[in-house]
């Protein structure tokens, strides 16, 4: 490893740790280390935030693509679960404060992975405080356990903020400004903050963090759930060692957008916190076994996947595997994760858009599985296909054994949220005009 490579890894590890810790001390450490001379230049935002896309979830045009056209998520992420601080229902003044805070961020940071991307979502519990119900065009039930073998805690916070950036400094500056701990962000003075309207958290479980991108899982493998000596590929963007988010294995942003009613332009968001226990994944399984369980047995038999799967281009290529899943269950004695997911499609495309990322919250290897879809029912349908409980008639396939990657993943929390269009993102009523 060259000295420059060593410095690059040190920097990535430092920034990831600072984001995970959070707070003004972590921000000061980032600014102290990278803020002068050696520092990153974070692009500023727009003078008129109303020029930004109406859809909060319109990220694809603001993030890069790889050589195959797959969208590449920002490397660092923060989830803030907050509650409305007032009594009764939000006031017009409070809505103005919240909107002013968000527009200040959009002036401070470019709407991109190099600046800052963010969404704000609202839970069923938030909308329960109003007399009017949500319109029928919004499918937003309370979160629930979705398989017979899970018992998650159910997130009931009013609000979730998702902040994402390649710059850990940008994330920390945005977070501290929103909380009212700083009057500026990226050199821009903020006209408002959320601290007087929302109770914003400083610690887990209200504050959750994560990362995605080549090198980061390998560099952050010294946590519970990753065995000593696990050889996580340096090119792997996620702990389980393979690429994810292939363009043809994702719903489109149009496909996950609510098209009718007062929330036209919105989408729904599901967030699961999943704990990973990868001892058997990396100790008992070899690459061929991992390919069979992540993709499908045919991919393992045919040597379809090289390394982390970069050779697959923009498509995991499991459509045909989905058609032979029952035969594979009998002949191979196991089925693959992507193979099961491919059964939940409309017009040949998945019905959810994944934007998930790994985590070391609480010193545990984890995954924040974040997906947006037109309605939560689409996520439930996808999860049901992934669970594969319909395949356990085959003696070798159990709920967790030989059934994709379920032997290694444990759902600890679930939450459902509505991401309104920008026009209604500030403490909306169930029937906004």
Protein backbone atom coordinates (compact mmCIF):
# COMPACT_ATOMS: atom_id res chain seq x y z
CA UNK A 1 0.00 0.00 0.00
CA UNK A 2 1.38 3.38 -0.95
CA UNK A 3 1.56 6.22 1.61
CA UNK A 4 -1.18 8.06 -0.27
CA UNK A 5 -3.43 4.98 -0.07
CA UNK A 6 -2.74 4.76 3.67
CA UNK A 7 -3.67 8.40 4.17
CA UNK A 8 -6.87 7.84 2.16
CA UNK A 9 -7.92 4.90 4.33
CA UNK A 10 -7.08 6.84 7.50
CA UNK A 11 -9.25 9.71 6.31
CA UNK A 12 -12.21 7.47 5.45
CA UNK A 13 -12.02 5.71 8.80
CA UNK A 14 -11.77 9.03 10.64
CA UNK A 15 -14.78 10.55 8.85
CA UNK A 16 -16.90 7.44 9.30
CA UNK A 17 -16.09 7.41 13.04
CA UNK A 18 -16.87 11.13 13.37
CA UNK A 19 -20.29 10.68 11.72
CA UNK A 20 -21.05 7.72 13.97
CA UNK A 21 -20.18 9.70 17.11
CA UNK A 22 -21.88 12.93 16.03
CA UNK A 23 -22.14 16.19 17.94
CA UNK A 24 -20.15 19.40 17.95
CA UNK A 25 -16.99 17.66 19.17
CA UNK A 26 -17.00 15.34 16.16
CA UNK A 27 -17.69 18.26 13.84
CA UNK A 28 -14.87 20.26 15.39
CA UNK A 29 -12.54 17.30 14.92
CA UNK A 30 -13.46 17.07 11.23
CA UNK A 31 -13.04 20.79 10.70
CA UNK A 32 -9.78 20.75 12.61
CA UNK A 33 -8.36 17.90 10.57
CA UNK A 34 -9.73 18.75 7.14
CA UNK A 35 -10.98 22.30 7.37
CA UNK A 36 -7.80 24.19 6.51
CA UNK A 37 -5.57 23.69 3.51
CA UNK A 38 -5.94 19.90 3.38
CA UNK A 39 -9.71 20.23 3.43
CA UNK A 40 -12.54 19.27 1.16
CA UNK A 41 -14.51 21.88 -0.73
CA UNK A 42 -18.23 21.34 -0.21
CA UNK A 43 -20.32 22.94 -3.00
CA UNK A 44 -22.96 25.41 -1.89
CA UNK A 45 -26.60 25.22 -2.84
CA UNK A 46 -29.11 27.27 -4.77
CA UNK A 47 -30.35 30.80 -4.11
CA UNK A 48 -33.91 29.66 -4.84
CA UNK A 49 -34.69 26.27 -3.23
CA UNK A 50 -38.07 26.20 -5.01
CA UNK A 51 -36.09 25.36 -8.15
CA UNK A 52 -35.28 21.91 -6.76
CA UNK A 53 -37.36 18.83 -7.73
CA UNK A 54 -40.79 18.67 -6.15
CA UNK A 55 -40.20 15.05 -5.16
CA UNK A 56 -38.09 14.69 -2.04
CA UNK A 57 -36.99 11.26 -3.24
CA UNK A 58 -35.71 12.61 -6.58
CA UNK A 59 -32.08 11.68 -5.95
CA UNK A 60 -31.09 9.81 -9.11
CA UNK A 61 -30.31 12.91 -11.15
CA UNK A 62 -28.23 14.27 -8.27
CA UNK A 63 -25.95 11.26 -7.69
CA UNK A 64 -23.34 9.70 -9.97
CA UNK A 65 -23.60 6.47 -11.92
CA UNK A 66 -20.92 3.82 -12.35
CA UNK A 67 -19.61 2.53 -15.67
CA UNK A 68 -22.75 0.38 -16.06
CA UNK A 69 -25.31 3.07 -15.33
CA UNK A 70 -26.05 1.96 -11.76
CA UNK A 71 -26.75 4.86 -9.40
CA UNK A 72 -24.13 5.22 -6.67
CA UNK A 73 -25.40 6.32 -3.26
CA UNK A 74 -23.58 8.82 -1.07
CA UNK A 75 -21.05 7.20 1.25
CA UNK A 76 -22.24 8.55 4.64
CA UNK A 77 -25.75 8.55 6.13
CA UNK A 78 -27.53 9.75 9.27
CA UNK A 79 -31.08 8.92 10.33
CA UNK A 80 -32.67 11.20 12.95
CA UNK A 81 -35.92 10.00 14.53
CA UNK A 82 -37.72 12.96 16.10
CA UNK A 83 -41.01 13.86 17.76
CA UNK A 84 -43.16 16.95 17.51
CA UNK A 85 -42.41 19.03 20.61
CA UNK A 86 -45.74 20.82 20.81
CA UNK A 87 -49.22 19.89 22.02
CA UNK A 88 -52.09 19.19 19.70
CA UNK A 89 -51.43 19.90 16.03
CA UNK A 90 -48.62 21.98 14.50
CA UNK A 91 -49.20 25.69 13.96
CA UNK A 92 -48.65 27.77 10.84
CA UNK A 93 -45.67 29.49 12.50
CA UNK A 94 -44.09 26.12 13.28
CA UNK A 95 -44.53 25.05 9.67
CA UNK A 96 -42.82 28.22 8.51
CA UNK A 97 -39.91 27.56 10.90
CA UNK A 98 -39.46 23.98 9.67
CA UNK A 99 -39.61 24.99 6.01
CA UNK A 100 -37.16 27.85 6.60
CA UNK A 101 -34.70 25.42 8.22
CA UNK A 102 -34.89 23.04 5.26
CA UNK A 103 -34.52 25.82 2.71
CA UNK A 104 -31.51 27.13 4.60
CA UNK A 105 -29.85 23.73 4.18
CA UNK A 106 -30.64 23.78 0.47
CA UNK A 107 -28.95 27.17 0.18
CA UNK A 108 -25.95 25.95 2.17
CA UNK A 109 -25.35 22.67 0.35
CA UNK A 110 -25.61 21.63 -3.27
CA UNK A 111 -28.38 19.07 -3.87
CA UNK A 112 -25.95 16.24 -4.66
CA UNK A 113 -23.84 13.52 -3.13
CA UNK A 114 -20.97 16.02 -2.89
CA UNK A 115 -23.16 18.47 -0.99
CA UNK A 116 -26.19 17.16 0.89
CA UNK A 117 -29.26 15.09 0.06
CA UNK A 118 -32.03 14.71 2.61
CA UNK A 119 -35.64 13.67 3.08
CA UNK A 120 -38.16 14.18 5.86
CA UNK A 121 -40.82 11.56 6.49
CA UNK A 122 -43.88 11.34 8.75
CA UNK A 123 -45.21 8.28 10.53
CA UNK A 124 -48.79 7.04 10.97
CA UNK A 125 -48.59 8.21 14.58
CA UNK A 126 -47.81 11.76 13.45
CA UNK A 127 -50.98 11.86 11.33
CA UNK A 128 -53.11 10.32 14.10
CA UNK A 129 -53.15 13.68 15.93
CA UNK A 130 -55.40 15.17 13.23
CA UNK A 131 -59.15 14.65 12.99
CA UNK A 132 -59.08 13.94 9.27
CA UNK A 133 -57.51 10.68 8.07
CA UNK A 134 -54.97 10.34 5.30
CA UNK A 135 -56.53 10.06 1.83
CA UNK A 136 -57.07 6.64 0.28
CA UNK A 137 -54.27 7.39 -2.18
CA UNK A 138 -51.73 7.05 0.66
CA UNK A 139 -50.99 3.49 1.82
CA UNK A 140 -49.31 4.07 5.21
CA UNK A 141 -50.20 1.47 7.85
CA UNK A 142 -48.57 1.17 11.24
CA UNK A 143 -45.35 -0.87 11.11
CA UNK A 144 -45.64 -4.54 12.01
CA UNK A 145 -43.68 -7.77 12.06
CA UNK A 146 -43.73 -9.10 8.50
CA UNK A 147 -42.68 -12.73 8.98
CA UNK A 148 -43.48 -15.47 11.46
CA UNK A 149 -39.87 -15.55 12.65
CA UNK A 150 -39.24 -11.91 13.59
CA UNK A 151 -40.17 -9.78 16.59
CA UNK A 152 -38.93 -6.26 15.86
CA UNK A 153 -39.38 -3.13 17.92
CA UNK A 154 -41.73 -0.83 16.03
CA UNK A 155 -40.60 2.74 15.48
CA UNK A 156 -43.35 5.17 16.40
CA UNK A 157 -41.52 8.50 16.22
CA UNK A 158 -43.39 11.28 14.48
CA UNK A 159 -40.63 12.18 12.04
CA UNK A 160 -37.54 10.70 10.43
CA UNK A 161 -34.83 12.76 8.72
CA UNK A 162 -32.45 10.99 6.34
CA UNK A 163 -29.25 12.93 5.60
CA UNK A 164 -26.76 11.63 3.02
CA UNK A 165 -23.45 12.92 1.66
CA UNK A 166 -20.04 11.82 0.50
CA UNK A 167 -18.77 14.42 2.98
CA UNK A 168 -18.97 13.50 6.65
CA UNK A 169 -18.29 17.15 7.48
CA UNK A 170 -21.35 18.22 5.47
CA UNK A 171 -23.53 15.73 7.36
CA UNK A 172 -22.30 16.88 10.74
CA UNK A 173 -22.63 20.57 9.89
CA UNK A 174 -26.19 20.04 8.62
CA UNK A 175 -27.18 18.04 11.67
CA UNK A 176 -25.78 20.53 14.18
CA UNK A 177 -27.40 23.43 12.33
CA UNK A 178 -30.79 21.71 12.31
CA UNK A 179 -30.49 21.13 16.05
CA UNK A 180 -29.66 24.79 16.64
CA UNK A 181 -26.14 24.06 17.87
CA UNK A 182 -24.63 26.12 15.06
CA UNK A 183 -25.84 29.26 13.31
CA UNK A 184 -24.07 28.44 10.05
CA UNK A 185 -23.55 25.47 7.75
CA UNK A 186 -20.98 25.41 4.97
CA UNK A 187 -20.40 29.11 5.57
CA UNK A 188 -24.06 30.00 5.06
CA UNK A 189 -26.11 31.50 7.90
CA UNK A 190 -29.29 29.57 8.66
CA UNK A 191 -32.50 31.51 9.10
CA UNK A 192 -34.12 28.87 11.33
CA UNK A 193 -33.55 25.53 13.03
CA UNK A 194 -35.75 22.65 14.17
CA UNK A 195 -34.83 22.60 17.84
CA UNK A 196 -37.86 24.58 19.01
CA UNK A 197 -40.32 22.49 17.00
CA UNK A 198 -38.95 18.94 17.06
CA UNK A 199 -37.24 16.96 19.81
CA UNK A 200 -34.13 15.85 17.94
CA UNK A 201 -32.04 12.97 19.32
CA UNK A 202 -28.32 12.78 20.06
CA UNK A 203 -28.02 9.04 20.66
CA UNK A 204 -29.15 5.65 19.38
CA UNK A 205 -31.90 4.57 18.73
CA UNK A 206 -33.06 8.07 17.80
CA UNK A 207 -29.83 8.76 15.94
CA UNK A 208 -28.61 6.06 13.57
CA UNK A 209 -25.70 6.18 11.17
CA UNK A 210 -24.24 4.21 8.32
CA UNK A 211 -22.11 4.00 5.22
CA UNK A 212 -21.97 2.34 1.81
CA UNK A 213 -19.21 2.18 -0.75
CA UNK A 214 -16.18 0.20 -1.82
CA UNK A 215 -13.65 -0.16 0.98
CA UNK A 216 -15.80 1.02 3.86
CA UNK A 217 -17.08 -2.43 5.00
CA UNK A 218 -13.58 -3.92 4.89
CA UNK A 219 -12.18 -0.98 6.85
CA UNK A 220 -14.92 -1.19 9.50
CA UNK A 221 -15.06 -4.93 10.12
CA UNK A 222 -13.83 -4.91 13.73
CA UNK A 223 -17.35 -5.12 15.15
CA UNK A 224 -19.64 -7.75 16.61
CA UNK A 225 -21.10 -9.94 13.89
CA UNK A 226 -18.01 -9.98 11.67
CA UNK A 227 -15.70 -12.93 12.42
CA UNK A 228 -11.98 -12.42 12.98
CA UNK A 229 -10.14 -12.87 9.73
CA UNK A 230 -13.21 -12.36 7.54
CA UNK A 231 -11.92 -11.58 4.08
CA UNK A 232 -14.31 -8.84 3.01
CA UNK A 233 -13.36 -7.83 -0.51
CA UNK A 234 -11.86 -4.33 -0.67
CA UNK A 235 -14.20 -3.61 -3.59
CA UNK A 236 -17.33 -4.65 -1.68
CA UNK A 237 -19.70 -1.76 -0.89
CA UNK A 238 -21.62 -3.74 1.76
CA UNK A 239 -20.68 -6.18 4.54
CA UNK A 240 -22.01 -9.26 2.74
CA UNK A 241 -19.45 -8.78 0.01
CA UNK A 242 -21.50 -8.09 -3.13
CA UNK A 243 -22.74 -5.14 -5.13
CA UNK A 244 -26.36 -4.14 -4.72
CA UNK A 245 -28.71 -1.69 -6.41
CA UNK A 246 -28.28 -2.87 -9.99
CA UNK A 247 -30.23 -0.44 -12.16
CA UNK A 248 -32.49 -3.10 -13.70
CA UNK A 249 -33.16 -4.57 -10.26
CA UNK A 250 -34.55 -1.31 -8.89
CA UNK A 251 -37.90 0.39 -9.27
CA UNK A 252 -37.76 3.74 -11.03
CA UNK A 253 -38.43 6.97 -9.17
CA UNK A 254 -41.54 7.43 -11.32
CA UNK A 255 -42.66 3.93 -10.37
CA UNK A 256 -42.55 4.60 -6.63
CA UNK A 257 -44.30 8.00 -6.77
CA UNK A 258 -47.88 8.54 -5.60
CA UNK A 259 -49.68 9.87 -8.65
CA UNK A 260 -53.05 11.01 -7.30
CA UNK A 261 -54.60 12.93 -4.42
CA UNK A 262 -53.27 15.74 -2.24
CA UNK A 263 -49.95 13.92 -1.83
CA UNK A 264 -49.28 13.45 -5.54
CA UNK A 265 -45.50 13.50 -5.95
CA UNK A 266 -44.92 11.80 -2.59
CA UNK A 267 -43.72 8.31 -1.81
CA UNK A 268 -43.69 6.01 1.22
CA UNK A 269 -40.58 4.89 3.01
CA UNK A 270 -39.88 1.77 5.04
CA UNK A 271 -36.79 1.57 7.24
CA UNK A 272 -35.67 -1.63 8.93
CA UNK A 273 -32.69 -1.97 11.23
CA UNK A 274 -31.17 -5.39 10.58
CA UNK A 275 -28.42 -6.95 12.67
CA UNK A 276 -25.89 -9.03 10.72
CA UNK A 277 -24.22 -12.15 12.10
CA UNK A 278 -21.77 -13.22 9.44
CA UNK A 279 -19.62 -15.84 11.20
CA UNK A 280 -21.08 -18.71 9.19
CA UNK A 281 -21.29 -16.55 6.04
CA UNK A 282 -17.53 -16.05 6.00
CA UNK A 283 -16.29 -19.12 7.92
CA UNK A 284 -18.47 -22.02 6.79
CA UNK A 285 -19.39 -20.75 3.31
CA UNK A 286 -17.03 -20.28 0.39
CA UNK A 287 -17.54 -17.88 -2.51
CA UNK A 288 -19.64 -20.37 -4.46
CA UNK A 289 -21.93 -20.95 -1.48
CA UNK A 290 -22.29 -17.20 -0.94
CA UNK A 291 -23.17 -16.63 -4.60
CA UNK A 292 -25.81 -19.39 -4.43
CA UNK A 293 -27.44 -17.87 -1.36
CA UNK A 294 -27.16 -14.20 -2.38
CA UNK A 295 -28.13 -14.65 -6.04
CA UNK A 296 -29.24 -18.19 -7.02
CA UNK A 297 -27.81 -21.72 -7.31
CA UNK A 298 -27.50 -21.45 -11.11
CA UNK A 299 -25.21 -18.41 -10.79
CA UNK A 300 -22.97 -20.42 -8.46
CA UNK A 301 -22.93 -23.48 -10.71
CA UNK A 302 -22.19 -21.44 -13.84
CA UNK A 303 -19.61 -19.12 -12.29
CA UNK A 304 -21.76 -16.13 -13.26
CA UNK A 305 -20.58 -13.79 -10.48
CA UNK A 306 -16.97 -12.65 -10.36
CA UNK A 307 -15.70 -11.06 -7.15
CA UNK A 308 -18.27 -8.59 -5.80
CA UNK A 309 -20.40 -8.82 -8.96
CA UNK A 310 -19.03 -5.91 -10.95
CA UNK A 311 -19.09 -8.09 -14.06
CA UNK A 312 -22.91 -8.32 -13.87
CA UNK A 313 -23.20 -4.78 -15.23
CA UNK A 314 -26.62 -3.29 -14.54
CA UNK A 315 -28.58 -6.50 -13.92
CA UNK A 316 -28.14 -9.29 -11.39
CA UNK A 317 -29.62 -11.60 -14.04
CA UNK A 318 -31.92 -13.59 -11.77
CA UNK A 319 -35.17 -13.35 -13.76
CA UNK A 320 -34.67 -16.85 -15.10
CA UNK A 321 -33.76 -18.09 -11.63
CA UNK A 322 -37.10 -16.85 -10.32
CA UNK A 323 -38.86 -19.08 -12.82
CA UNK A 324 -36.99 -22.17 -11.60
CA UNK A 325 -37.12 -21.45 -7.88
CA UNK A 326 -39.20 -24.50 -6.90
CA UNK A 327 -37.02 -26.77 -9.02
CA UNK A 328 -33.89 -25.28 -7.43
CA UNK A 329 -35.37 -25.83 -3.99
CA UNK A 330 -35.71 -29.54 -4.76
CA UNK A 331 -32.53 -30.13 -6.77
CA UNK A 332 -30.06 -27.74 -5.14
CA UNK A 333 -31.59 -27.87 -1.67
CA UNK A 334 -31.52 -24.09 -1.33
CA UNK A 335 -32.70 -20.88 -2.98
CA UNK A 336 -31.13 -17.46 -3.42
CA UNK A 337 -32.02 -14.08 -1.95
CA UNK A 338 -32.19 -12.19 -5.27
CA UNK A 339 -33.95 -15.16 -6.84
CA UNK A 340 -36.80 -14.84 -4.34
CA UNK A 341 -36.99 -11.05 -4.68
CA UNK A 342 -37.37 -11.33 -8.45
CA UNK A 343 -40.83 -12.81 -7.90
CA UNK A 344 -42.14 -9.42 -6.70
CA UNK A 345 -42.19 -7.40 -9.91
CA UNK A 346 -44.60 -5.39 -12.04
CA UNK A 347 -44.01 -5.13 -15.79
CA UNK A 348 -40.60 -6.70 -15.30
CA UNK A 349 -39.36 -4.18 -12.69
CA UNK A 350 -39.14 -4.41 -8.89
CA UNK A 351 -41.76 -2.42 -6.99
CA UNK A 352 -39.39 -0.94 -4.39
CA UNK A 353 -36.38 1.37 -4.75
CA UNK A 354 -33.65 0.39 -2.29
CA UNK A 355 -31.33 2.93 -0.71
CA UNK A 356 -29.90 0.86 2.13
CA UNK A 357 -26.55 1.13 3.87
CA UNK A 358 -24.40 -0.69 6.42
CA UNK A 359 -23.90 0.39 10.02
CA UNK A 360 -21.75 -0.09 13.11
CA UNK A 361 -24.30 1.39 15.53
CA UNK A 362 -23.85 -0.05 19.03
CA UNK A 363 -20.65 -1.75 17.87
CA UNK A 364 -22.66 -4.25 15.84
CA UNK A 365 -22.50 -5.02 12.13
CA UNK A 366 -25.85 -3.97 10.76
CA UNK A 367 -27.84 -2.84 7.78
CA UNK A 368 -30.35 -0.02 7.63
CA UNK A 369 -32.65 -1.36 4.93
CA UNK A 370 -34.25 1.78 3.51
CA UNK A 371 -36.71 1.45 0.65
CA UNK A 372 -39.17 3.81 -1.01
CA UNK A 373 -42.28 2.62 -2.82
CA UNK A 374 -45.66 3.96 -3.86
CA UNK A 375 -47.38 2.23 -0.95
CA UNK A 376 -46.21 0.18 2.02
CA UNK A 377 -48.15 -2.75 0.57
CA UNK A 378 -45.51 -2.93 -2.16
CA UNK A 379 -42.82 -3.36 0.48
CA UNK A 380 -44.85 -6.03 2.27
CA UNK A 381 -45.29 -7.92 -1.01
CA UNK A 382 -41.55 -7.75 -1.65
CA UNK A 383 -40.70 -8.82 1.89
CA UNK A 384 -43.12 -11.74 1.66
CA UNK A 385 -41.38 -12.94 -1.50
CA UNK A 386 -37.99 -12.53 0.17
CA UNK A 387 -39.06 -14.46 3.27
CA UNK A 388 -39.75 -17.56 1.16
CA UNK A 389 -42.01 -19.14 3.74
CA UNK A 390 -43.90 -20.68 0.84
CA UNK A 391 -40.80 -22.72 -0.04
CA UNK A 392 -40.40 -24.55 3.26
CA UNK A 393 -42.35 -27.56 2.02
CA UNK A 394 -38.99 -28.71 0.66
CA UNK A 395 -37.33 -30.57 3.58
CA UNK A 396 -33.92 -28.90 3.18
CA UNK A 397 -35.34 -25.39 3.26
CA UNK A 398 -36.32 -23.91 6.59
CA UNK A 399 -37.35 -20.42 7.56
CA UNK A 400 -33.73 -19.43 8.10
CA UNK A 401 -31.68 -22.27 6.63
CA UNK A 402 -30.91 -22.59 2.89
CA UNK A 403 -33.44 -19.80 2.36
CA UNK A 404 -31.44 -16.96 0.84
CA UNK A 405 -29.54 -14.90 3.41
CA UNK A 406 -32.02 -15.14 6.27
CA UNK A 407 -29.67 -17.25 8.38
CA UNK A 408 -27.46 -14.17 8.73
CA UNK A 409 -29.95 -11.28 9.06
CA UNK A 410 -32.09 -10.40 12.07
CA UNK A 411 -34.69 -7.62 11.93
CA UNK A 412 -34.51 -5.53 15.11
CA UNK A 413 -36.70 -2.51 14.22
CA UNK A 414 -39.26 -1.48 11.58
CA UNK A 415 -40.84 1.87 10.72
CA UNK A 416 -43.15 3.28 8.02
CA UNK A 417 -43.20 6.90 6.83
CA UNK A 418 -44.68 9.18 4.19
CA UNK A 419 -42.28 11.42 2.26
CA UNK A 420 -44.50 14.31 1.09
CA UNK A 421 -43.58 16.41 -1.92
CA UNK A 422 -41.47 19.45 -1.04
CA UNK A 423 -44.51 21.72 -1.07
CA UNK A 424 -45.98 19.80 1.90
CA UNK A 425 -42.88 18.54 3.70
CA UNK A 426 -43.11 20.92 6.70
CA UNK A 427 -45.41 19.32 9.31
CA UNK A 428 -48.21 18.48 6.83
CA UNK A 429 -51.87 17.91 7.60
CA UNK A 430 -53.48 14.73 6.23
CA UNK A 431 -55.29 16.79 3.56
CA UNK A 432 -52.90 19.55 2.45
CA UNK A 433 -54.14 22.01 -0.13
